[in-house]
Amino acid sequence: MIAPPVRDPLAFDALLSSSWALFRRNWIVALPPVIAALLIIIGIVILAVLAFAVTVSTGSMQQQPSTPVILVLALLYVLLCVGIAALSLWAYAAMFGMADAAWERGTATIADGNAAFRARGGALLVAVIGLIGVGIVALILALPTLFIALLAFPLFTMYVIPAVVSGRRGGFEAIGDSFRLVRAFFLPSLIAFVVLFGISYGISFIGAIPIVPLELATMPGAGETAMRIPSIPLIIFGGIGYLVAIALQLAYAGFYAIALVGLYRSLVVPRPVPPPAPAAGEIVAT
């Protein structure tokens, strides 16, 4: 159980401006998901190349892959899935750990992220398992609640990761803390959730801008049945635009972590308690 908050949340405009100032000085907070994504892509490409090579080699010999080869590929696939899960866990723990360090002392390093993963990775894994369970319950209650349960799920769990990493809560305890904080500060939490999610949703449209002309260019014309092949410049334009949107989304993840941690800290970190005023006639030591 958390102690009742004794501090009002930051005004949202102050939160955004302070978060932006911190992010400009600590853009490195956005690096963990970028690093994780690159390593995951490399792993997927390696496994795909190996599977393709096996398929080509066995196909040229007109035979099925041997059982040991299939087992090796299956083992590599399992290892890839475990690696993706571990890298995703590290990315979240590191990003929010660095965001917490940025609020704590104004600067953040990768070492702060690694320290957060070592210290809070286990609790974060438990929290993820708990979130999956809560998500299943929300899915079951979707129809009886007219989908309100599904809409409420991301809102009421928005403080789980900050509670684990910044608040040093246990996995299941962090879920309970998040529910209690949202109930206690529903309006500030709702405003923060809507605005932060809205920014992310707006960034996703940037990727759609160059993709829409590309999709239209593939549509068959009047009297045609086959899809058209877009021009090379249009393909390049669409690919670059999509990569820019992904880069912006990954960068925004760092800002989002800083903003959410800042809001969480404003709710649970108490103000310093001033010393009691001296009684009349009492001599105050200087």
C-alpha atoms as a PDB file:
ATOM      1  CA  MET A   1       0.000   0.000   0.000  1.00  0.00           C
ATOM      2  CA  ILE A   2       1.278   3.457  -0.830  1.00  0.00           C
ATOM      3  CA  ALA A   3       0.973   6.311   1.597  1.00  0.00           C
ATOM      4  CA  PRO A   4      -1.745   8.823   0.702  1.00  0.00           C
ATOM      5  CA  PRO A   5      -0.240  11.372  -1.679  1.00  0.00           C
ATOM      6  CA  VAL A   6       0.503  14.663   0.018  1.00  0.00           C
ATOM      7  CA  ARG A   7       1.364  16.609  -3.092  1.00  0.00           C
ATOM      8  CA  ASP A   8      -0.779  17.931  -5.910  1.00  0.00           C
ATOM      9  CA  PRO A   9       0.223  16.871  -9.433  1.00  0.00           C
ATOM     10  CA  LEU A  10       2.221  19.226 -11.590  1.00  0.00           C
ATOM     11  CA  ALA A  11       0.190  21.545 -13.744  1.00  0.00           C
ATOM     12  CA  PHE A  12       0.090  19.817 -17.117  1.00  0.00           C
ATOM     13  CA  ASP A  13       1.626  22.717 -19.049  1.00  0.00           C
ATOM     14  CA  ALA A  14       4.464  22.858 -16.511  1.00  0.00           C
ATOM     15  CA  LEU A  15       4.876  19.094 -16.788  1.00  0.00           C
ATOM     16  CA  LEU A  16       5.161  19.213 -20.580  1.00  0.00           C
ATOM     17  CA  SER A  17       7.591  22.135 -20.602  1.00  0.00           C
ATOM     18  CA  SER A  18       9.787  20.614 -17.887  1.00  0.00           C
ATOM     19  CA  SER A  19       9.699  17.218 -19.618  1.00  0.00           C
ATOM     20  CA  TRP A  20      10.662  18.781 -22.940  1.00  0.00           C
ATOM     21  CA  ALA A  21      13.543  20.684 -21.325  1.00  0.00           C
ATOM     22  CA  LEU A  22      14.793  17.471 -19.709  1.00  0.00           C
ATOM     23  CA  PHE A  23      14.405  15.512 -22.941  1.00  0.00           C
ATOM     24  CA  ARG A  24      16.393  18.050 -24.954  1.00  0.00           C
ATOM     25  CA  ARG A  25      19.274  17.680 -22.510  1.00  0.00           C
ATOM     26  CA  ASN A  26      18.831  13.916 -22.211  1.00  0.00           C
ATOM     27  CA  TRP A  27      17.730  12.692 -25.659  1.00  0.00           C
ATOM     28  CA  ILE A  28      19.704   9.546 -24.846  1.00  0.00           C
ATOM     29  CA  VAL A  29      16.630   8.385 -22.893  1.00  0.00           C
ATOM     30  CA  ALA A  30      15.125   7.435 -26.267  1.00  0.00           C
ATOM     31  CA  LEU A  31      18.048   5.153 -27.201  1.00  0.00           C
ATOM     32  CA  PRO A  32      17.090   1.892 -25.392  1.00  0.00           C
ATOM     33  CA  PRO A  33      14.083   1.090 -27.648  1.00  0.00           C
ATOM     34  CA  VAL A  34      16.174   2.012 -30.704  1.00  0.00           C
ATOM     35  CA  ILE A  35      18.975  -0.329 -29.644  1.00  0.00           C
ATOM     36  CA  ALA A  36      16.490  -3.092 -28.819  1.00  0.00           C
ATOM     37  CA  ALA A  37      14.697  -2.669 -32.172  1.00  0.00           C
ATOM     38  CA  LEU A  38      17.960  -2.840 -34.145  1.00  0.00           C
ATOM     39  CA  LEU A  39      19.108  -5.983 -32.317  1.00  0.00           C
ATOM     40  CA  ILE A  40      15.704  -7.623 -32.824  1.00  0.00           C
ATOM     41  CA  ILE A  41      15.781  -6.808 -36.553  1.00  0.00           C
ATOM     42  CA  ILE A  42      19.286  -8.271 -36.840  1.00  0.00           C
ATOM     43  CA  GLY A  43      18.150 -11.457 -35.084  1.00  0.00           C
ATOM     44  CA  ILE A  44      15.094 -11.803 -37.339  1.00  0.00           C
ATOM     45  CA  VAL A  45      17.189 -11.262 -40.482  1.00  0.00           C
ATOM     46  CA  ILE A  46      19.764 -13.849 -39.396  1.00  0.00           C
ATOM     47  CA  LEU A  47      17.087 -16.452 -38.672  1.00  0.00           C
ATOM     48  CA  ALA A  48      15.278 -15.670 -41.950  1.00  0.00           C
ATOM     49  CA  VAL A  49      18.511 -16.044 -43.930  1.00  0.00           C
ATOM     50  CA  LEU A  50      19.268 -19.366 -42.259  1.00  0.00           C
ATOM     51  CA  ALA A  51      15.755 -20.663 -42.928  1.00  0.00           C
ATOM     52  CA  PHE A  52      15.942 -19.484 -46.539  1.00  0.00           C
ATOM     53  CA  ALA A  53      19.345 -21.131 -47.023  1.00  0.00           C
ATOM     54  CA  VAL A  54      18.036 -24.426 -45.635  1.00  0.00           C
ATOM     55  CA  THR A  55      14.963 -24.245 -47.873  1.00  0.00           C
ATOM     56  CA  VAL A  56      17.026 -23.545 -50.992  1.00  0.00           C
ATOM     57  CA  SER A  57      19.645 -26.205 -50.261  1.00  0.00           C
ATOM     58  CA  THR A  58      17.104 -28.936 -49.522  1.00  0.00           C
ATOM     59  CA  GLY A  59      14.881 -27.870 -52.410  1.00  0.00           C
ATOM     60  CA  SER A  60      17.761 -28.133 -54.852  1.00  0.00           C
ATOM     61  CA  MET A  61      18.322 -31.693 -53.654  1.00  0.00           C
ATOM     62  CA  GLN A  62      14.579 -32.395 -53.825  1.00  0.00           C
ATOM     63  CA  GLN A  63      14.339 -33.582 -50.237  1.00  0.00           C
ATOM     64  CA  GLN A  64      12.863 -32.460 -46.955  1.00  0.00           C
ATOM     65  CA  PRO A  65      15.070 -30.861 -44.265  1.00  0.00           C
ATOM     66  CA  SER A  66      16.441 -33.403 -41.837  1.00  0.00           C
ATOM     67  CA  THR A  67      15.095 -33.633 -38.306  1.00  0.00           C
ATOM     68  CA  PRO A  68      18.279 -32.187 -36.693  1.00  0.00           C
ATOM     69  CA  VAL A  69      18.110 -29.171 -39.027  1.00  0.00           C
ATOM     70  CA  ILE A  70      14.443 -28.584 -38.160  1.00  0.00           C
ATOM     71  CA  LEU A  71      15.223 -28.892 -34.447  1.00  0.00           C
ATOM     72  CA  VAL A  72      18.089 -26.412 -34.752  1.00  0.00           C
ATOM     73  CA  LEU A  73      15.855 -23.906 -36.551  1.00  0.00           C
ATOM     74  CA  ALA A  74      13.123 -24.416 -33.943  1.00  0.00           C
ATOM     75  CA  LEU A  75      15.640 -23.867 -31.137  1.00  0.00           C
ATOM     76  CA  LEU A  76      16.916 -20.711 -32.827  1.00  0.00           C
ATOM     77  CA  TYR A  77      13.336 -19.483 -33.154  1.00  0.00           C
ATOM     78  CA  VAL A  78      12.686 -20.076 -29.447  1.00  0.00           C
ATOM     79  CA  LEU A  79      15.932 -18.286 -28.562  1.00  0.00           C
ATOM     80  CA  LEU A  80      14.897 -15.392 -30.807  1.00  0.00           C
ATOM     81  CA  CYS A  81      11.537 -15.123 -29.013  1.00  0.00           C
ATOM     82  CA  VAL A  82      13.269 -15.166 -25.624  1.00  0.00           C
ATOM     83  CA  GLY A  83      15.742 -12.566 -26.852  1.00  0.00           C
ATOM     84  CA  ILE A  84      12.937 -10.310 -28.103  1.00  0.00           C
ATOM     85  CA  ALA A  85      11.187 -10.551 -24.730  1.00  0.00           C
ATOM     86  CA  ALA A  86      14.431  -9.845 -22.825  1.00  0.00           C
ATOM     87  CA  LEU A  87      15.370  -6.910 -25.054  1.00  0.00           C
ATOM     88  CA  SER A  88      11.875  -5.426 -24.763  1.00  0.00           C
ATOM     89  CA  LEU A  89      12.036  -5.734 -20.977  1.00  0.00           C
ATOM     90  CA  TRP A  90      15.475  -4.122 -20.928  1.00  0.00           C
ATOM     91  CA  ALA A  91      14.325  -1.295 -23.200  1.00  0.00           C
ATOM     92  CA  TYR A  92      11.403  -0.354 -20.940  1.00  0.00           C
ATOM     93  CA  ALA A  93      13.364  -0.704 -17.693  1.00  0.00           C
ATOM     94  CA  ALA A  94      16.326   1.239 -19.072  1.00  0.00           C
ATOM     95  CA  MET A  95      14.230   3.994 -20.637  1.00  0.00           C
ATOM     96  CA  PHE A  96      12.161   4.619 -17.509  1.00  0.00           C
ATOM     97  CA  GLY A  97      15.225   4.245 -15.272  1.00  0.00           C
ATOM     98  CA  MET A  98      17.014   6.900 -17.297  1.00  0.00           C
ATOM     99  CA  ALA A  99      13.915   9.109 -17.184  1.00  0.00           C
ATOM    100  CA  ASP A 100      13.873   8.784 -13.399  1.00  0.00           C
ATOM    101  CA  ALA A 101      17.577   9.690 -13.229  1.00  0.00           C
ATOM    102  CA  ALA A 102      16.899  12.736 -15.425  1.00  0.00           C
ATOM    103  CA  TRP A 103      14.270  14.002 -12.974  1.00  0.00           C
ATOM    104  CA  GLU A 104      16.445  13.098  -9.979  1.00  0.00           C
ATOM    105  CA  ARG A 105      19.651  14.886 -10.957  1.00  0.00           C
ATOM    106  CA  GLY A 106      19.067  16.482 -14.359  1.00  0.00           C
ATOM    107  CA  THR A 107      21.194  14.038 -16.375  1.00  0.00           C
ATOM    108  CA  ALA A 108      20.857  10.435 -17.461  1.00  0.00           C
ATOM    109  CA  THR A 109      23.223   7.818 -18.900  1.00  0.00           C
ATOM    110  CA  ILE A 110      22.955   4.319 -20.319  1.00  0.00           C
ATOM    111  CA  ALA A 111      24.535   3.152 -17.063  1.00  0.00           C
ATOM    112  CA  ASP A 112      21.443   4.433 -15.240  1.00  0.00           C
ATOM    113  CA  GLY A 113      19.281   2.371 -17.571  1.00  0.00           C
ATOM    114  CA  ASN A 114      21.351  -0.776 -17.070  1.00  0.00           C
ATOM    115  CA  ALA A 115      21.253  -0.281 -13.310  1.00  0.00           C
ATOM    116  CA  ALA A 116      17.470   0.055 -13.428  1.00  0.00           C
ATOM    117  CA  PHE A 117      17.187  -3.158 -15.442  1.00  0.00           C
ATOM    118  CA  ARG A 118      19.396  -5.081 -13.007  1.00  0.00           C
ATOM    119  CA  ALA A 119      17.531  -3.782  -9.982  1.00  0.00           C
ATOM    120  CA  ARG A 120      13.957  -3.706 -11.306  1.00  0.00           C
ATOM    121  CA  GLY A 121      13.908  -6.133 -14.237  1.00  0.00           C
ATOM    122  CA  GLY A 122      12.437  -8.982 -12.187  1.00  0.00           C
ATOM    123  CA  ALA A 123       9.698  -6.813 -10.725  1.00  0.00           C
ATOM    124  CA  LEU A 124       8.951  -5.430 -14.175  1.00  0.00           C
ATOM    125  CA  LEU A 125       8.577  -8.956 -15.556  1.00  0.00           C
ATOM    126  CA  VAL A 126       6.105  -9.772 -12.774  1.00  0.00           C
ATOM    127  CA  ALA A 127       4.232  -6.554 -13.570  1.00  0.00           C
ATOM    128  CA  VAL A 128       4.020  -7.510 -17.250  1.00  0.00           C
ATOM    129  CA  ILE A 129       2.589 -10.901 -16.302  1.00  0.00           C
ATOM    130  CA  GLY A 130       0.066  -9.154 -14.059  1.00  0.00           C
ATOM    131  CA  LEU A 131      -0.838  -6.711 -16.840  1.00  0.00           C
ATOM    132  CA  ILE A 132      -1.499  -9.612 -19.192  1.00  0.00           C
ATOM    133  CA  GLY A 133      -3.884 -11.049 -16.608  1.00  0.00           C
ATOM    134  CA  VAL A 134      -5.636  -7.708 -16.126  1.00  0.00           C
ATOM    135  CA  GLY A 135      -5.830  -7.290 -19.887  1.00  0.00           C
ATOM    136  CA  ILE A 136      -7.505 -10.692 -20.248  1.00  0.00           C
ATOM    137  CA  VAL A 137     -10.051  -9.698 -17.601  1.00  0.00           C
ATOM    138  CA  ALA A 138     -10.687  -6.407 -19.433  1.00  0.00           C
ATOM    139  CA  LEU A 139     -11.179  -8.334 -22.665  1.00  0.00           C
ATOM    140  CA  ILE A 140     -13.680 -10.669 -21.002  1.00  0.00           C
ATOM    141  CA  LEU A 141     -15.576  -7.696 -19.583  1.00  0.00           C
ATOM    142  CA  ALA A 142     -15.515  -5.779 -22.875  1.00  0.00           C
ATOM    143  CA  LEU A 143     -18.993  -6.740 -24.070  1.00  0.00           C
ATOM    144  CA  PRO A 144     -20.752  -6.608 -20.659  1.00  0.00           C
ATOM    145  CA  THR A 145     -19.317  -3.120 -20.063  1.00  0.00           C
ATOM    146  CA  LEU A 146     -19.854  -1.881 -23.644  1.00  0.00           C
ATOM    147  CA  PHE A 147     -16.054  -1.822 -24.146  1.00  0.00           C
ATOM    148  CA  ILE A 148     -15.544   0.564 -21.224  1.00  0.00           C
ATOM    149  CA  ALA A 149     -13.265  -2.031 -19.579  1.00  0.00           C
ATOM    150  CA  LEU A 150     -10.974  -2.042 -22.614  1.00  0.00           C
ATOM    151  CA  LEU A 151     -10.868   1.760 -22.699  1.00  0.00           C
ATOM    152  CA  ALA A 152     -10.154   1.950 -18.974  1.00  0.00           C
ATOM    153  CA  PHE A 153      -7.385  -0.668 -19.054  1.00  0.00           C
ATOM    154  CA  PRO A 154      -4.572   1.538 -20.499  1.00  0.00           C
ATOM    155  CA  LEU A 155      -5.663   4.507 -18.371  1.00  0.00           C
ATOM    156  CA  PHE A 156      -5.722   2.695 -15.032  1.00  0.00           C
ATOM    157  CA  THR A 157      -2.413   0.932 -15.715  1.00  0.00           C
ATOM    158  CA  MET A 158      -0.523   4.001 -16.959  1.00  0.00           C
ATOM    159  CA  TYR A 159       1.585   4.309 -13.785  1.00  0.00           C
ATOM    160  CA  VAL A 160       2.636   0.646 -13.541  1.00  0.00           C
ATOM    161  CA  ILE A 161       6.099   0.971 -15.088  1.00  0.00           C
ATOM    162  CA  PRO A 162       6.950   4.231 -13.255  1.00  0.00           C
ATOM    163  CA  ALA A 163       5.767   2.594 -10.015  1.00  0.00           C
ATOM    164  CA  VAL A 164       8.080  -0.382 -10.617  1.00  0.00           C
ATOM    165  CA  VAL A 165      11.141   1.558 -11.761  1.00  0.00           C
ATOM    166  CA  SER A 166      10.836   4.937 -10.039  1.00  0.00           C
ATOM    167  CA  GLY A 167       8.688   3.937  -7.063  1.00  0.00           C
ATOM    168  CA  ARG A 168      10.570   0.650  -6.421  1.00  0.00           C
ATOM    169  CA  ARG A 169       7.274  -1.241  -6.113  1.00  0.00           C
ATOM    170  CA  GLY A 170       6.816  -4.959  -6.623  1.00  0.00           C
ATOM    171  CA  GLY A 171       5.166  -6.106  -9.845  1.00  0.00           C
ATOM    172  CA  PHE A 172       1.649  -6.753  -8.546  1.00  0.00           C
ATOM    173  CA  GLU A 173       1.952  -3.936  -6.006  1.00  0.00           C
ATOM    174  CA  ALA A 174       2.686  -1.508  -8.848  1.00  0.00           C
ATOM    175  CA  ILE A 175      -0.557  -2.475 -10.590  1.00  0.00           C
ATOM    176  CA  GLY A 176      -2.518  -1.758  -7.418  1.00  0.00           C
ATOM    177  CA  ASP A 177      -0.661   1.527  -6.958  1.00  0.00           C
ATOM    178  CA  SER A 178      -1.517   2.589 -10.505  1.00  0.00           C
ATOM    179  CA  PHE A 179      -5.221   1.904  -9.976  1.00  0.00           C
ATOM    180  CA  ARG A 180      -5.209   3.857  -6.705  1.00  0.00           C
ATOM    181  CA  LEU A 181      -3.339   6.823  -8.173  1.00  0.00           C
ATOM    182  CA  VAL A 182      -5.693   7.085 -11.147  1.00  0.00           C
ATOM    183  CA  ARG A 183      -8.706   6.979  -8.827  1.00  0.00           C
ATOM    184  CA  ALA A 184      -7.198   9.598  -6.513  1.00  0.00           C
ATOM    185  CA  PHE A 185      -6.108  11.887  -9.386  1.00  0.00           C
ATOM    186  CA  PHE A 186      -8.511  10.895 -12.115  1.00  0.00           C
ATOM    187  CA  LEU A 187      -8.755  14.190 -14.019  1.00  0.00           C
ATOM    188  CA  PRO A 188      -4.984  14.944 -14.193  1.00  0.00           C
ATOM    189  CA  SER A 189      -4.335  11.325 -15.156  1.00  0.00           C
ATOM    190  CA  LEU A 190      -7.018  11.379 -17.841  1.00  0.00           C
ATOM    191  CA  ILE A 191      -5.728  14.646 -19.309  1.00  0.00           C
ATOM    192  CA  ALA A 192      -2.151  13.339 -19.347  1.00  0.00           C
ATOM    193  CA  PHE A 193      -3.206  10.050 -20.903  1.00  0.00           C
ATOM    194  CA  VAL A 194      -5.301  11.652 -23.645  1.00  0.00           C
ATOM    195  CA  VAL A 195      -2.693  14.278 -24.557  1.00  0.00           C
ATOM    196  CA  LEU A 196       0.301  11.930 -24.509  1.00  0.00           C
ATOM    197  CA  PHE A 197      -1.564   9.258 -26.466  1.00  0.00           C
ATOM    198  CA  GLY A 198      -2.877  11.895 -28.864  1.00  0.00           C
ATOM    199  CA  ILE A 199       0.657  13.079 -29.648  1.00  0.00           C
ATOM    200  CA  SER A 200       1.719   9.493 -30.340  1.00  0.00           C
ATOM    201  CA  TYR A 201      -1.330   8.965 -32.542  1.00  0.00           C
ATOM    202  CA  GLY A 202      -0.557  12.155 -34.440  1.00  0.00           C
ATOM    203  CA  ILE A 203       3.022  11.029 -35.081  1.00  0.00           C
ATOM    204  CA  SER A 204       1.697   7.788 -36.565  1.00  0.00           C
ATOM    205  CA  PHE A 205      -0.102   9.850 -39.220  1.00  0.00           C
ATOM    206  CA  ILE A 206       3.251  11.166 -40.409  1.00  0.00           C
ATOM    207  CA  GLY A 207       4.068   7.667 -41.588  1.00  0.00           C
ATOM    208  CA  ALA A 208       0.740   7.452 -43.405  1.00  0.00           C
ATOM    209  CA  ILE A 209       1.347  10.636 -45.436  1.00  0.00           C
ATOM    210  CA  PRO A 210       3.997   9.112 -47.762  1.00  0.00           C
ATOM    211  CA  ILE A 211       2.397   5.653 -47.711  1.00  0.00           C
ATOM    212  CA  VAL A 212      -1.019   6.749 -49.027  1.00  0.00           C
ATOM    213  CA  PRO A 213       0.321   7.965 -52.425  1.00  0.00           C
ATOM    214  CA  LEU A 214       2.317   4.733 -52.654  1.00  0.00           C
ATOM    215  CA  GLU A 215      -0.794   2.645 -52.081  1.00  0.00           C
ATOM    216  CA  LEU A 216      -2.810   4.695 -54.566  1.00  0.00           C
ATOM    217  CA  ALA A 217      -0.095   4.197 -57.166  1.00  0.00           C
ATOM    218  CA  THR A 218      -0.480   0.420 -56.906  1.00  0.00           C
ATOM    219  CA  MET A 219      -4.235   0.498 -57.537  1.00  0.00           C
ATOM    220  CA  PRO A 220      -5.234  -0.882 -60.969  1.00  0.00           C
ATOM    221  CA  GLY A 221      -6.683   1.609 -63.402  1.00  0.00           C
ATOM    222  CA  ALA A 222      -9.913   1.409 -65.377  1.00  0.00           C
ATOM    223  CA  GLY A 223     -10.171  -1.913 -67.141  1.00  0.00           C
ATOM    224  CA  GLU A 224      -7.091  -3.288 -65.369  1.00  0.00           C
ATOM    225  CA  THR A 225      -7.014  -6.226 -62.982  1.00  0.00           C
ATOM    226  CA  ALA A 226      -3.324  -6.452 -62.032  1.00  0.00           C
ATOM    227  CA  MET A 227      -1.768  -4.192 -59.428  1.00  0.00           C
ATOM    228  CA  ARG A 228       0.550  -1.506 -60.749  1.00  0.00           C
ATOM    229  CA  ILE A 229       4.204  -1.193 -59.778  1.00  0.00           C
ATOM    230  CA  PRO A 230       4.911   2.268 -58.312  1.00  0.00           C
ATOM    231  CA  SER A 231       7.747   4.348 -59.670  1.00  0.00           C
ATOM    232  CA  ILE A 232      11.140   4.087 -57.996  1.00  0.00           C
ATOM    233  CA  PRO A 233      11.107   7.717 -56.714  1.00  0.00           C
ATOM    234  CA  LEU A 234       7.685   7.152 -55.155  1.00  0.00           C
ATOM    235  CA  ILE A 235       8.900   3.937 -53.476  1.00  0.00           C
ATOM    236  CA  ILE A 236      11.957   5.768 -52.112  1.00  0.00           C
ATOM    237  CA  PHE A 237       9.793   8.667 -50.914  1.00  0.00           C
ATOM    238  CA  GLY A 238       7.396   6.300 -49.156  1.00  0.00           C
ATOM    239  CA  GLY A 239      10.188   4.291 -47.545  1.00  0.00           C
ATOM    240  CA  ILE A 240      12.038   7.360 -46.277  1.00  0.00           C
ATOM    241  CA  GLY A 241       8.827   8.896 -44.931  1.00  0.00           C
ATOM    242  CA  TYR A 242       7.936   5.699 -43.121  1.00  0.00           C
ATOM    243  CA  LEU A 243      11.416   5.439 -41.583  1.00  0.00           C
ATOM    244  CA  VAL A 244      11.172   9.063 -40.440  1.00  0.00           C
ATOM    245  CA  ALA A 245       7.841   8.305 -38.758  1.00  0.00           C
ATOM    246  CA  ILE A 246       9.358   5.296 -36.981  1.00  0.00           C
ATOM    247  CA  ALA A 247      12.329   7.406 -35.830  1.00  0.00           C
ATOM    248  CA  LEU A 248       9.974  10.089 -34.498  1.00  0.00           C
ATOM    249  CA  GLN A 249       7.876   7.470 -32.713  1.00  0.00           C
ATOM    250  CA  LEU A 250      10.957   5.979 -31.049  1.00  0.00           C
ATOM    251  CA  ALA A 251      12.191   9.442 -30.072  1.00  0.00           C
ATOM    252  CA  TYR A 252       8.771  10.284 -28.657  1.00  0.00           C
ATOM    253  CA  ALA A 253       8.961   7.173 -26.478  1.00  0.00           C
ATOM    254  CA  GLY A 254      11.801   8.846 -24.575  1.00  0.00           C
ATOM    255  CA  PHE A 255       9.807  12.038 -24.063  1.00  0.00           C
ATOM    256  CA  TYR A 256       6.763  10.000 -23.038  1.00  0.00           C
ATOM    257  CA  ALA A 257       8.810   8.157 -20.406  1.00  0.00           C
ATOM    258  CA  ILE A 258      10.153  11.410 -18.985  1.00  0.00           C
ATOM    259  CA  ALA A 259       6.696  13.021 -18.884  1.00  0.00           C
ATOM    260  CA  LEU A 260       5.031  10.001 -17.271  1.00  0.00           C
ATOM    261  CA  VAL A 261       7.770   9.584 -14.679  1.00  0.00           C
ATOM    262  CA  GLY A 262       7.565  13.302 -13.911  1.00  0.00           C
ATOM    263  CA  LEU A 263       3.821  13.067 -13.366  1.00  0.00           C
ATOM    264  CA  TYR A 264       4.208   9.954 -11.217  1.00  0.00           C
ATOM    265  CA  ARG A 265       6.884  11.580  -9.082  1.00  0.00           C
ATOM    266  CA  SER A 266       4.693  14.652  -8.610  1.00  0.00           C
ATOM    267  CA  LEU A 267       1.967  12.404  -7.213  1.00  0.00           C
ATOM    268  CA  VAL A 268       3.960  10.250  -4.816  1.00  0.00           C
ATOM    269  CA  VAL A 269       7.071  12.229  -3.833  1.00  0.00           C
ATOM    270  CA  PRO A 270       6.141  14.281  -0.778  1.00  0.00           C
ATOM    271  CA  ARG A 271       7.104  17.867  -0.280  1.00  0.00           C
ATOM    272  CA  PRO A 272       9.844  18.491   2.246  1.00  0.00           C
ATOM    273  CA  VAL A 273       8.089  19.065   5.562  1.00  0.00           C
ATOM    274  CA  PRO A 274       9.082  22.472   6.981  1.00  0.00           C
ATOM    275  CA  PRO A 275      10.213  22.578  10.616  1.00  0.00           C
ATOM    276  CA  PRO A 276       7.552  23.676  13.105  1.00  0.00           C
ATOM    277  CA  ALA A 277       7.429  27.360  13.876  1.00  0.00           C
ATOM    278  CA  PRO A 278       9.136  28.231  17.178  1.00  0.00           C
ATOM    279  CA  ALA A 279       6.874  28.912  20.094  1.00  0.00           C
ATOM    280  CA  ALA A 280       6.575  32.451  21.422  1.00  0.00           C
ATOM    281  CA  GLY A 281       9.657  33.375  23.374  1.00  0.00           C
ATOM    282  CA  GLU A 282      11.612  30.329  22.132  1.00  0.00           C
ATOM    283  CA  ILE A 283      15.191  31.009  21.121  1.00  0.00           C
ATOM    284  CA  VAL A 284      16.064  29.609  17.686  1.00  0.00           C
ATOM    285  CA  ALA A 285      19.639  28.428  17.250  1.00  0.00           C
ATOM    286  CA  THR A 286      21.448  29.933  14.260  1.00  0.00           C
END
